[in-house]
Amino acid sequence: TSWFDTVLLENDQLRHKVTYALSQIIVESDFEPIFTRRGEALARYFD
């Protein structure tokens, strides 16, 4: 829910939408163990 709160309430909604679009184009697999055990790796990717 914190991602939805950020996307809906922040002033830079366009940046969040572009980030989401880029995440659909440049994908990283969340199947790898680093993503299932350590969410900060995926969070860093989105950063």
All heavy atoms as atom14 arrays in JSON, in Angstrom:
{
  "sequence": "TSWFDTVLLENDQLRHKVTYALSQIIVESDFEPIFTRRGEALARYFD",
  "atom14_mask": [
    [1, 1, 1, 1, 1, 1, 1, 0, 0, 0, 0, 0, 0, 0],
    [1, 1, 1, 1, 1, 1, 0, 0, 0, 0, 0, 0, 0, 0],
    [1, 1, 1, 1, 1, 1, 1, 1, 1, 1, 1, 1, 1, 1],
    [1, 1, 1, 1, 1, 1, 1, 1, 1, 1, 1, 0, 0, 0],
    [1, 1, 1, 1, 1, 1, 1, 1, 0, 0, 0, 0, 0, 0],
    [1, 1, 1, 1, 1, 1, 1, 0, 0, 0, 0, 0, 0, 0],
    [1, 1, 1, 1, 1, 1, 1, 0, 0, 0, 0, 0, 0, 0],
    [1, 1, 1, 1, 1, 1, 1, 1, 0, 0, 0, 0, 0, 0],
    [1, 1, 1, 1, 1, 1, 1, 1, 0, 0, 0, 0, 0, 0],
    [1, 1, 1, 1, 1, 1, 1, 1, 1, 0, 0, 0, 0, 0],
    [1, 1, 1, 1, 1, 1, 1, 1, 0, 0, 0, 0, 0, 0],
    [1, 1, 1, 1, 1, 1, 1, 1, 0, 0, 0, 0, 0, 0],
    [1, 1, 1, 1, 1, 1, 1, 1, 1, 0, 0, 0, 0, 0],
    [1, 1, 1, 1, 1, 1, 1, 1, 0, 0, 0, 0, 0, 0],
    [1, 1, 1, 1, 1, 1, 1, 1, 1, 1, 1, 0, 0, 0],
    [1, 1, 1, 1, 1, 1, 1, 1, 1, 1, 0, 0, 0, 0],
    [1, 1, 1, 1, 1, 1, 1, 1, 1, 0, 0, 0, 0, 0],
    [1, 1, 1, 1, 1, 1, 1, 0, 0, 0, 0, 0, 0, 0],
    [1, 1, 1, 1, 1, 1, 1, 0, 0, 0, 0, 0, 0, 0],
    [1, 1, 1, 1, 1, 1, 1, 1, 1, 1, 1, 1, 0, 0],
    [1, 1, 1, 1, 1, 0, 0, 0, 0, 0, 0, 0, 0, 0],
    [1, 1, 1, 1, 1, 1, 1, 1, 0, 0, 0, 0, 0, 0],
    [1, 1, 1, 1, 1, 1, 0, 0, 0, 0, 0, 0, 0, 0],
    [1, 1, 1, 1, 1, 1, 1, 1, 1, 0, 0, 0, 0, 0],
    [1, 1, 1, 1, 1, 1, 1, 1, 0, 0, 0, 0, 0, 0],
    [1, 1, 1, 1, 1, 1, 1, 1, 0, 0, 0, 0, 0, 0],
    [1, 1, 1, 1, 1, 1, 1, 0, 0, 0, 0, 0, 0, 0],
    [1, 1, 1, 1, 1, 1, 1, 1, 1, 0, 0, 0, 0, 0],
    [1, 1, 1, 1, 1, 1, 0, 0, 0, 0, 0, 0, 0, 0],
    [1, 1, 1, 1, 1, 1, 1, 1, 0, 0, 0, 0, 0, 0],
    [1, 1, 1, 1, 1, 1, 1, 1, 1, 1, 1, 0, 0, 0],
    [1, 1, 1, 1, 1, 1, 1, 1, 1, 0, 0, 0, 0, 0],
    [1, 1, 1, 1, 1, 1, 1, 0, 0, 0, 0, 0, 0, 0],
    [1, 1, 1, 1, 1, 1, 1, 1, 0, 0, 0, 0, 0, 0],
    [1, 1, 1, 1, 1, 1, 1, 1, 1, 1, 1, 0, 0, 0],
    [1, 1, 1, 1, 1, 1, 1, 0, 0, 0, 0, 0, 0, 0],
    [1, 1, 1, 1, 1, 1, 1, 1, 1, 1, 1, 0, 0, 0],
    [1, 1, 1, 1, 1, 1, 1, 1, 1, 1, 1, 0, 0, 0],
    [1, 1, 1, 1, 0, 0, 0, 0, 0, 0, 0, 0, 0, 0],
    [1, 1, 1, 1, 1, 1, 1, 1, 1, 0, 0, 0, 0, 0],
    [1, 1, 1, 1, 1, 0, 0, 0, 0, 0, 0, 0, 0, 0],
    [1, 1, 1, 1, 1, 1, 1, 1, 0, 0, 0, 0, 0, 0],
    [1, 1, 1, 1, 1, 0, 0, 0, 0, 0, 0, 0, 0, 0],
    [1, 1, 1, 1, 1, 1, 1, 1, 1, 1, 1, 0, 0, 0],
    [1, 1, 1, 1, 1, 1, 1, 1, 1, 1, 1, 1, 0, 0],
    [1, 1, 1, 1, 1, 1, 1, 1, 1, 1, 1, 0, 0, 0],
    [1, 1, 1, 1, 1, 1, 1, 1, 0, 0, 0, 0, 0, 0]
  ],
  "atom14_positions": [
    [[0.81, -1.2, 0.0], [0.0, 0.0, 0.0], [0.85, 1.26, 0.0], [0.37, 2.3, -0.41], [-0.94, 0.04, 1.22], [-0.18, -0.16, 2.38], [-2.05, -0.96, 1.09], [0.0, 0.0, 0.0], [0.0, 0.0, 0.0], [0.0, 0.0, 0.0], [0.0, 0.0, 0.0], [0.0, 0.0, 0.0], [0.0, 0.0, 0.0], [0.0, 0.0, 0.0]],
    [[2.06, 1.2, 0.47], [2.86, 2.42, 0.5], [3.2, 2.89, -0.91], [3.29, 4.08, -1.16], [4.11, 2.22, 1.34], [5.18, 1.8, 0.58], [0.0, 0.0, 0.0], [0.0, 0.0, 0.0], [0.0, 0.0, 0.0], [0.0, 0.0, 0.0], [0.0, 0.0, 0.0], [0.0, 0.0, 0.0], [0.0, 0.0, 0.0], [0.0, 0.0, 0.0]],
    [[3.37, 1.96, -1.85], [3.62, 2.37, -3.23], [2.41, 3.1, -3.8], [2.55, 4.15, -4.43], [3.96, 1.16, -4.09], [4.3, 1.54, -5.51], [5.49, 2.03, -5.95], [3.45, 1.49, -6.64], [5.41, 2.28, -7.31], [4.17, 1.96, -7.76], [2.12, 1.08, -6.83], [3.63, 2.02, -9.02], [1.59, 1.17, -8.09], [2.33, 1.64, -9.18]],
    [[1.21, 2.57, -3.54], [0.0, 3.23, -4.04], [-0.18, 4.59, -3.39], [-0.57, 5.55, -4.05], [-1.23, 2.36, -3.78], [-1.32, 1.18, -4.69], [-1.14, -0.1, -4.2], [-1.55, 1.33, -6.05], [-1.22, -1.2, -5.03], [-1.62, 0.24, -6.89], [-1.46, -1.02, -6.38], [0.0, 0.0, 0.0], [0.0, 0.0, 0.0], [0.0, 0.0, 0.0]],
    [[0.09, 4.7, -2.11], [-0.01, 6.0, -1.43], [0.95, 7.0, -2.04], [0.6, 8.16, -2.27], [0.28, 5.85, 0.06], [-0.8, 5.1, 0.79], [-1.93, 5.01, 0.27], [-0.52, 4.58, 1.89], [0.0, 0.0, 0.0], [0.0, 0.0, 0.0], [0.0, 0.0, 0.0], [0.0, 0.0, 0.0], [0.0, 0.0, 0.0], [0.0, 0.0, 0.0]],
    [[2.16, 6.57, -2.32], [3.16, 7.46, -2.91], [2.73, 7.9, -4.3], [2.8, 9.08, -4.63], [4.52, 6.75, -2.98], [4.9, 6.34, -1.68], [5.58, 7.66, -3.55], [0.0, 0.0, 0.0], [0.0, 0.0, 0.0], [0.0, 0.0, 0.0], [0.0, 0.0, 0.0], [0.0, 0.0, 0.0], [0.0, 0.0, 0.0], [0.0, 0.0, 0.0]],
    [[2.29, 6.96, -5.11], [1.91, 7.29, -6.48], [0.69, 8.21, -6.51], [0.61, 9.13, -7.32], [1.63, 6.0, -7.28], [1.03, 6.3, -8.63], [2.92, 5.22, -7.46], [0.0, 0.0, 0.0], [0.0, 0.0, 0.0], [0.0, 0.0, 0.0], [0.0, 0.0, 0.0], [0.0, 0.0, 0.0], [0.0, 0.0, 0.0], [0.0, 0.0, 0.0]],
    [[-0.25, 8.0, -5.63], [-1.47, 8.8, -5.65], [-1.33, 10.16, -4.99], [-2.02, 11.1, -5.35], [-2.61, 8.02, -4.98], [-3.05, 6.77, -5.72], [-4.09, 6.02, -4.89], [-3.6, 7.1, -7.09], [0.0, 0.0, 0.0], [0.0, 0.0, 0.0], [0.0, 0.0, 0.0], [0.0, 0.0, 0.0], [0.0, 0.0, 0.0], [0.0, 0.0, 0.0]],
    [[-0.44, 10.29, -4.02], [-0.39, 11.51, -3.22], [0.79, 12.42, -3.51], [0.77, 13.59, -3.13], [-0.41, 11.15, -1.73], [-1.65, 10.36, -1.27], [-1.51, 9.96, 0.18], [-2.92, 11.14, -1.5], [0.0, 0.0, 0.0], [0.0, 0.0, 0.0], [0.0, 0.0, 0.0], [0.0, 0.0, 0.0], [0.0, 0.0, 0.0], [0.0, 0.0, 0.0]],
    [[1.83, 11.93, -4.16], [3.0, 12.75, -4.45], [2.72, 13.73, -5.58], [1.82, 13.54, -6.38], [4.19, 11.86, -4.84], [4.71, 11.0, -3.72], [5.54, 11.76, -2.73], [6.25, 12.69, -3.13], [5.48, 11.41, -1.55], [0.0, 0.0, 0.0], [0.0, 0.0, 0.0], [0.0, 0.0, 0.0], [0.0, 0.0, 0.0], [0.0, 0.0, 0.0]],
    [[3.5, 14.78, -5.63], [3.34, 15.79, -6.68], [3.94, 15.36, -8.01], [3.6, 15.91, -9.05], [3.97, 17.11, -6.25], [3.19, 17.76, -5.14], [1.99, 17.56, -5.02], [3.86, 18.54, -4.32], [0.0, 0.0, 0.0], [0.0, 0.0, 0.0], [0.0, 0.0, 0.0], [0.0, 0.0, 0.0], [0.0, 0.0, 0.0], [0.0, 0.0, 0.0]],
    [[4.86, 14.4, -8.0], [5.53, 13.98, -9.23], [4.93, 12.69, -9.78], [5.62, 11.7, -9.99], [7.03, 13.85, -9.01], [7.38, 12.88, -7.9], [6.47, 12.46, -7.17], [8.56, 12.52, -7.79], [0.0, 0.0, 0.0], [0.0, 0.0, 0.0], [0.0, 0.0, 0.0], [0.0, 0.0, 0.0], [0.0, 0.0, 0.0], [0.0, 0.0, 0.0]],
    [[3.64, 12.72, -10.07], [2.96, 11.53, -10.57], [3.45, 11.11, -11.95], [3.5, 9.92, -12.24], [1.45, 11.76, -10.6], [0.84, 11.81, -9.22], [-0.67, 11.87, -9.27], [-1.27, 11.81, -10.34], [-1.29, 11.96, -8.12], [0.0, 0.0, 0.0], [0.0, 0.0, 0.0], [0.0, 0.0, 0.0], [0.0, 0.0, 0.0], [0.0, 0.0, 0.0]],
    [[3.82, 12.07, -12.77], [4.33, 11.72, -14.1], [5.61, 10.9, -13.99], [5.8, 9.92, -14.71], [4.57, 12.97, -14.94], [5.07, 12.72, -16.35], [4.07, 11.88, -17.15], [5.35, 14.03, -17.06], [0.0, 0.0, 0.0], [0.0, 0.0, 0.0], [0.0, 0.0, 0.0], [0.0, 0.0, 0.0], [0.0, 0.0, 0.0], [0.0, 0.0, 0.0]],
    [[6.49, 11.26, -13.05], [7.72, 10.5, -12.86], [7.41, 9.07, -12.44], [8.04, 8.11, -12.9], [8.62, 11.17, -11.82], [9.95, 10.44, -11.63], [10.84, 11.13, -10.63], [11.35, 12.38, -11.12], [12.48, 12.51, -11.83], [13.19, 11.46, -12.13], [12.87, 13.69, -12.23], [0.0, 0.0, 0.0], [0.0, 0.0, 0.0], [0.0, 0.0, 0.0]],
    [[6.42, 8.89, -11.59], [6.03, 7.54, -11.16], [5.45, 6.74, -12.33], [5.7, 5.54, -12.45], [5.03, 7.61, -10.02], [5.62, 8.03, -8.73], [6.45, 7.22, -7.99], [5.52, 9.18, -8.03], [6.83, 7.85, -6.9], [6.27, 9.05, -6.91], [0.0, 0.0, 0.0], [0.0, 0.0, 0.0], [0.0, 0.0, 0.0], [0.0, 0.0, 0.0]],
    [[4.68, 7.41, -13.17], [4.11, 6.71, -14.33], [5.19, 6.32, -15.33], [5.15, 5.22, -15.89], [3.06, 7.59, -15.0], [1.82, 7.74, -14.16], [0.8, 8.65, -14.8], [-0.4, 8.81, -13.89], [-1.42, 9.68, -14.48], [0.0, 0.0, 0.0], [0.0, 0.0, 0.0], [0.0, 0.0, 0.0], [0.0, 0.0, 0.0], [0.0, 0.0, 0.0]],
    [[6.17, 7.19, -15.54], [7.29, 6.87, -16.44], [8.12, 5.73, -15.84], [8.54, 4.83, -16.56], [8.15, 8.11, -16.72], [9.42, 7.76, -17.46], [7.35, 9.14, -17.5], [0.0, 0.0, 0.0], [0.0, 0.0, 0.0], [0.0, 0.0, 0.0], [0.0, 0.0, 0.0], [0.0, 0.0, 0.0], [0.0, 0.0, 0.0], [0.0, 0.0, 0.0]],
    [[8.32, 5.77, -14.53], [9.05, 4.69, -13.86], [8.34, 3.35, -14.05], [8.98, 2.34, -14.36], [9.19, 4.99, -12.35], [9.9, 6.21, -12.2], [9.91, 3.87, -11.63], [0.0, 0.0, 0.0], [0.0, 0.0, 0.0], [0.0, 0.0, 0.0], [0.0, 0.0, 0.0], [0.0, 0.0, 0.0], [0.0, 0.0, 0.0], [0.0, 0.0, 0.0]],
    [[7.04, 3.35, -13.89], [6.27, 2.11, -14.09], [6.38, 1.64, -15.53], [6.58, 0.44, -15.79], [4.81, 2.31, -13.7], [3.99, 1.08, -13.94], [4.09, -0.02, -13.09], [3.13, 0.99, -15.03], [3.36, -1.17, -13.32], [2.4, -0.15, -15.27], [2.51, -1.23, -14.41], [1.79, -2.36, -14.65], [0.0, 0.0, 0.0], [0.0, 0.0, 0.0]],
    [[6.28, 2.56, -16.48], [6.4, 2.19, -17.9], [7.78, 1.61, -18.19], [7.9, 0.61, -18.9], [6.12, 3.4, -18.78], [0.0, 0.0, 0.0], [0.0, 0.0, 0.0], [0.0, 0.0, 0.0], [0.0, 0.0, 0.0], [0.0, 0.0, 0.0], [0.0, 0.0, 0.0], [0.0, 0.0, 0.0], [0.0, 0.0, 0.0], [0.0, 0.0, 0.0]],
    [[8.82, 2.23, -17.64], [10.18, 1.69, -17.83], [10.33, 0.32, -17.21], [11.05, -0.53, -17.74], [11.21, 2.66, -17.25], [11.46, 3.94, -18.03], [12.35, 4.88, -17.22], [12.08, 3.65, -19.38], [0.0, 0.0, 0.0], [0.0, 0.0, 0.0], [0.0, 0.0, 0.0], [0.0, 0.0, 0.0], [0.0, 0.0, 0.0], [0.0, 0.0, 0.0]],
    [[9.65, 0.09, -16.08], [9.75, -1.22, -15.44], [9.08, -2.31, -16.26], [9.37, -3.49, -16.09], [9.14, -1.19, -14.04], [7.73, -1.16, -14.1], [0.0, 0.0, 0.0], [0.0, 0.0, 0.0], [0.0, 0.0, 0.0], [0.0, 0.0, 0.0], [0.0, 0.0, 0.0], [0.0, 0.0, 0.0], [0.0, 0.0, 0.0], [0.0, 0.0, 0.0]],
    [[8.17, -1.92, -17.18], [7.55, -2.88, -18.07], [8.39, -3.11, -19.32], [8.21, -4.12, -20.01], [6.16, -2.39, -18.46], [5.23, -2.18, -17.29], [5.03, -3.44, -16.48], [4.64, -4.47, -17.02], [5.32, -3.37, -15.2], [0.0, 0.0, 0.0], [0.0, 0.0, 0.0], [0.0, 0.0, 0.0], [0.0, 0.0, 0.0], [0.0, 0.0, 0.0]],
    [[9.3, -2.19, -19.62], [10.16, -2.32, -20.79], [11.48, -2.98, -20.42], [11.93, -3.92, -21.08], [10.42, -0.93, -21.42], [9.11, -0.34, -21.92], [11.45, -1.01, -22.53], [9.2, 1.11, -22.31], [0.0, 0.0, 0.0], [0.0, 0.0, 0.0], [0.0, 0.0, 0.0], [0.0, 0.0, 0.0], [0.0, 0.0, 0.0], [0.0, 0.0, 0.0]],
    [[12.11, -2.5, -19.36], [13.4, -3.04, -18.89], [13.08, -3.89, -17.67], [12.99, -3.4, -16.56], [14.37, -1.91, -18.52], [14.51, -0.92, -19.65], [15.73, -2.49, -18.13], [15.23, 0.33, -19.26], [0.0, 0.0, 0.0], [0.0, 0.0, 0.0], [0.0, 0.0, 0.0], [0.0, 0.0, 0.0], [0.0, 0.0, 0.0], [0.0, 0.0, 0.0]],
    [[12.9, -5.16, -17.88], [12.43, -6.03, -16.8], [13.59, -6.79, -16.18], [14.58, -7.11, -16.83], [11.36, -7.02, -17.3], [10.12, -6.27, -17.73], [11.87, -7.87, -18.44], [0.0, 0.0, 0.0], [0.0, 0.0, 0.0], [0.0, 0.0, 0.0], [0.0, 0.0, 0.0], [0.0, 0.0, 0.0], [0.0, 0.0, 0.0], [0.0, 0.0, 0.0]],
    [[13.43, -7.06, -14.9], [14.33, -7.96, -14.18], [13.47, -9.07, -13.6], [12.36, -8.82, -13.13], [15.06, -7.23, -13.05], [16.15, -6.33, -13.54], [17.03, -5.86, -12.41], [16.68, -6.05, -11.24], [18.08, -5.29, -12.7], [0.0, 0.0, 0.0], [0.0, 0.0, 0.0], [0.0, 0.0, 0.0], [0.0, 0.0, 0.0], [0.0, 0.0, 0.0]],
    [[13.98, -10.24, -13.65], [13.22, -11.38, -13.17], [13.13, -11.36, -11.65], [14.14, -11.19, -10.96], [13.89, -12.68, -13.62], [13.26, -13.79, -13.03], [0.0, 0.0, 0.0], [0.0, 0.0, 0.0], [0.0, 0.0, 0.0], [0.0, 0.0, 0.0], [0.0, 0.0, 0.0], [0.0, 0.0, 0.0], [0.0, 0.0, 0.0], [0.0, 0.0, 0.0]],
    [[11.92, -11.56, -11.13], [11.78, -11.68, -9.68], [11.78, -13.15, -9.27], [11.48, -13.49, -8.15], [10.53, -10.97, -9.18], [9.26, -11.52, -9.76], [9.35, -12.37, -10.68], [8.17, -11.12, -9.3], [0.0, 0.0, 0.0], [0.0, 0.0, 0.0], [0.0, 0.0, 0.0], [0.0, 0.0, 0.0], [0.0, 0.0, 0.0], [0.0, 0.0, 0.0]],
    [[12.14, -14.03, -10.2], [12.24, -15.45, -9.93], [13.52, -15.81, -9.19], [13.59, -16.8, -8.48], [12.15, -16.25, -11.24], [12.22, -17.73, -11.05], [11.16, -18.42, -10.51], [13.36, -18.43, -11.4], [11.23, -19.79, -10.32], [13.44, -19.79, -11.23], [12.37, -20.48, -10.69], [0.0, 0.0, 0.0], [0.0, 0.0, 0.0], [0.0, 0.0, 0.0]],
    [[14.54, -15.01, -9.39], [15.83, -15.28, -8.77], [15.73, -15.18, -7.25], [14.99, -14.36, -6.72], [16.88, -14.29, -9.28], [17.21, -14.45, -10.74], [17.77, -15.81, -11.08], [18.59, -16.33, -10.31], [17.37, -16.35, -12.1], [0.0, 0.0, 0.0], [0.0, 0.0, 0.0], [0.0, 0.0, 0.0], [0.0, 0.0, 0.0], [0.0, 0.0, 0.0]],
    [[16.5, -15.99, -6.52], [16.44, -15.98, -5.05], [16.77, -14.63, -4.42], [16.26, -14.32, -3.36], [17.47, -17.03, -4.65], [17.66, -17.88, -5.85], [17.37, -17.03, -7.04], [0.0, 0.0, 0.0], [0.0, 0.0, 0.0], [0.0, 0.0, 0.0], [0.0, 0.0, 0.0], [0.0, 0.0, 0.0], [0.0, 0.0, 0.0], [0.0, 0.0, 0.0]],
    [[17.6, -13.81, -5.08], [17.95, -12.53, -4.48], [16.71, -11.65, -4.32], [16.59, -10.88, -3.38], [19.04, -11.8, -5.29], [19.53, -10.58, -4.53], [18.54, -11.41, -6.66], [20.75, -9.93, -5.11], [0.0, 0.0, 0.0], [0.0, 0.0, 0.0], [0.0, 0.0, 0.0], [0.0, 0.0, 0.0], [0.0, 0.0, 0.0], [0.0, 0.0, 0.0]],
    [[15.74, -11.79, -5.22], [14.54, -10.98, -5.14], [13.53, -11.55, -4.15], [12.8, -10.82, -3.52], [13.9, -10.82, -6.51], [14.73, -10.0, -7.45], [15.19, -10.55, -8.63], [15.05, -8.7, -7.16], [15.95, -9.79, -9.49], [15.82, -7.94, -8.02], [16.27, -8.49, -9.19], [0.0, 0.0, 0.0], [0.0, 0.0, 0.0], [0.0, 0.0, 0.0]],
    [[13.46, -12.87, -4.05], [12.49, -13.46, -3.13], [12.96, -13.36, -1.68], [12.14, -13.26, -0.79], [12.22, -14.93, -3.5], [13.47, -15.65, -3.5], [11.56, -15.03, -4.86], [0.0, 0.0, 0.0], [0.0, 0.0, 0.0], [0.0, 0.0, 0.0], [0.0, 0.0, 0.0], [0.0, 0.0, 0.0], [0.0, 0.0, 0.0], [0.0, 0.0, 0.0]],
    [[14.26, -13.37, -1.46], [14.77, -13.28, -0.08], [15.05, -11.85, 0.33], [14.92, -11.51, 1.5], [16.07, -14.08, 0.05], [15.89, -15.56, 0.04], [17.22, -16.21, 0.27], [18.18, -15.61, -0.67], [19.25, -16.21, -1.13], [19.52, -17.4, -0.73], [20.05, -15.61, -1.97], [0.0, 0.0, 0.0], [0.0, 0.0, 0.0], [0.0, 0.0, 0.0]],
    [[15.45, -11.02, -0.59], [15.88, -9.65, -0.24], [15.18, -8.65, -1.15], [15.6, -8.41, -2.26], [17.38, -9.54, -0.38], [18.1, -10.51, 0.55], [19.55, -10.25, 0.57], [19.8, -8.88, 0.95], [20.73, -8.51, 1.8], [21.47, -9.42, 2.36], [20.93, -7.25, 2.08], [0.0, 0.0, 0.0], [0.0, 0.0, 0.0], [0.0, 0.0, 0.0]],
    [[14.11, -8.07, -0.64], [13.31, -7.13, -1.4], [14.03, -5.84, -1.72], [13.66, -5.14, -2.65], [0.0, 0.0, 0.0], [0.0, 0.0, 0.0], [0.0, 0.0, 0.0], [0.0, 0.0, 0.0], [0.0, 0.0, 0.0], [0.0, 0.0, 0.0], [0.0, 0.0, 0.0], [0.0, 0.0, 0.0], [0.0, 0.0, 0.0], [0.0, 0.0, 0.0]],
    [[15.1, -5.54, -0.95], [15.79, -4.28, -1.21], [16.5, -4.27, -2.56], [16.76, -3.21, -3.13], [16.75, -3.91, -0.09], [17.83, -4.91, 0.21], [17.44, -5.87, 1.33], [16.29, -5.88, 1.76], [18.32, -6.63, 1.73], [0.0, 0.0, 0.0], [0.0, 0.0, 0.0], [0.0, 0.0, 0.0], [0.0, 0.0, 0.0], [0.0, 0.0, 0.0]],
    [[16.82, -5.45, -3.1], [17.43, -5.5, -4.44], [16.42, -5.02, -5.48], [16.77, -4.25, -6.38], [17.9, -6.91, -4.76], [0.0, 0.0, 0.0], [0.0, 0.0, 0.0], [0.0, 0.0, 0.0], [0.0, 0.0, 0.0], [0.0, 0.0, 0.0], [0.0, 0.0, 0.0], [0.0, 0.0, 0.0], [0.0, 0.0, 0.0], [0.0, 0.0, 0.0]],
    [[15.19, -5.45, -5.36], [14.16, -5.0, -6.28], [13.82, -3.54, -6.03], [13.57, -2.79, -6.99], [12.92, -5.87, -6.12], [11.86, -5.78, -7.21], [12.47, -6.07, -8.57], [10.72, -6.72, -6.92], [0.0, 0.0, 0.0], [0.0, 0.0, 0.0], [0.0, 0.0, 0.0], [0.0, 0.0, 0.0], [0.0, 0.0, 0.0], [0.0, 0.0, 0.0]],
    [[13.84, -3.11, -4.79], [13.58, -1.7, -4.47], [14.67, -0.81, -5.07], [14.39, 0.27, -5.59], [13.5, -1.51, -2.97], [0.0, 0.0, 0.0], [0.0, 0.0, 0.0], [0.0, 0.0, 0.0], [0.0, 0.0, 0.0], [0.0, 0.0, 0.0], [0.0, 0.0, 0.0], [0.0, 0.0, 0.0], [0.0, 0.0, 0.0], [0.0, 0.0, 0.0]],
    [[15.91, -1.25, -5.03], [17.02, -0.49, -5.62], [16.85, -0.37, -7.12], [17.12, 0.67, -7.71], [18.36, -1.14, -5.26], [19.55, -0.49, -5.9], [19.78, 0.91, -5.36], [20.9, 1.51, -6.07], [20.9, 2.73, -6.57], [19.86, 3.5, -6.4], [21.93, 3.19, -7.22], [0.0, 0.0, 0.0], [0.0, 0.0, 0.0], [0.0, 0.0, 0.0]],
    [[16.37, -1.44, -7.76], [16.11, -1.43, -9.19], [15.07, -0.34, -9.52], [15.26, 0.44, -10.45], [15.63, -2.81, -9.63], [15.01, -2.87, -11.0], [15.77, -2.7, -12.13], [13.65, -3.1, -11.16], [15.21, -2.75, -13.4], [13.08, -3.16, -12.4], [13.86, -2.99, -13.51], [13.29, -3.03, -14.75], [0.0, 0.0, 0.0], [0.0, 0.0, 0.0]],
    [[13.99, -0.27, -8.75], [12.98, 0.75, -8.99], [13.5, 2.14, -8.67], [13.1, 3.12, -9.3], [11.71, 0.45, -8.19], [10.8, -0.52, -8.9], [10.81, -1.86, -8.59], [9.97, -0.07, -9.92], [9.98, -2.74, -9.25], [9.14, -0.95, -10.59], [9.14, -2.29, -10.26], [0.0, 0.0, 0.0], [0.0, 0.0, 0.0], [0.0, 0.0, 0.0]],
    [[14.39, 2.26, -7.7], [15.01, 3.56, -7.42], [15.83, 4.05, -8.62], [15.81, 5.23, -8.94], [15.91, 3.48, -6.18], [15.13, 3.42, -4.9], [13.93, 3.74, -4.91], [15.73, 3.04, -3.87], [0.0, 0.0, 0.0], [0.0, 0.0, 0.0], [0.0, 0.0, 0.0], [0.0, 0.0, 0.0], [0.0, 0.0, 0.0], [0.0, 0.0, 0.0]]
  ]
}
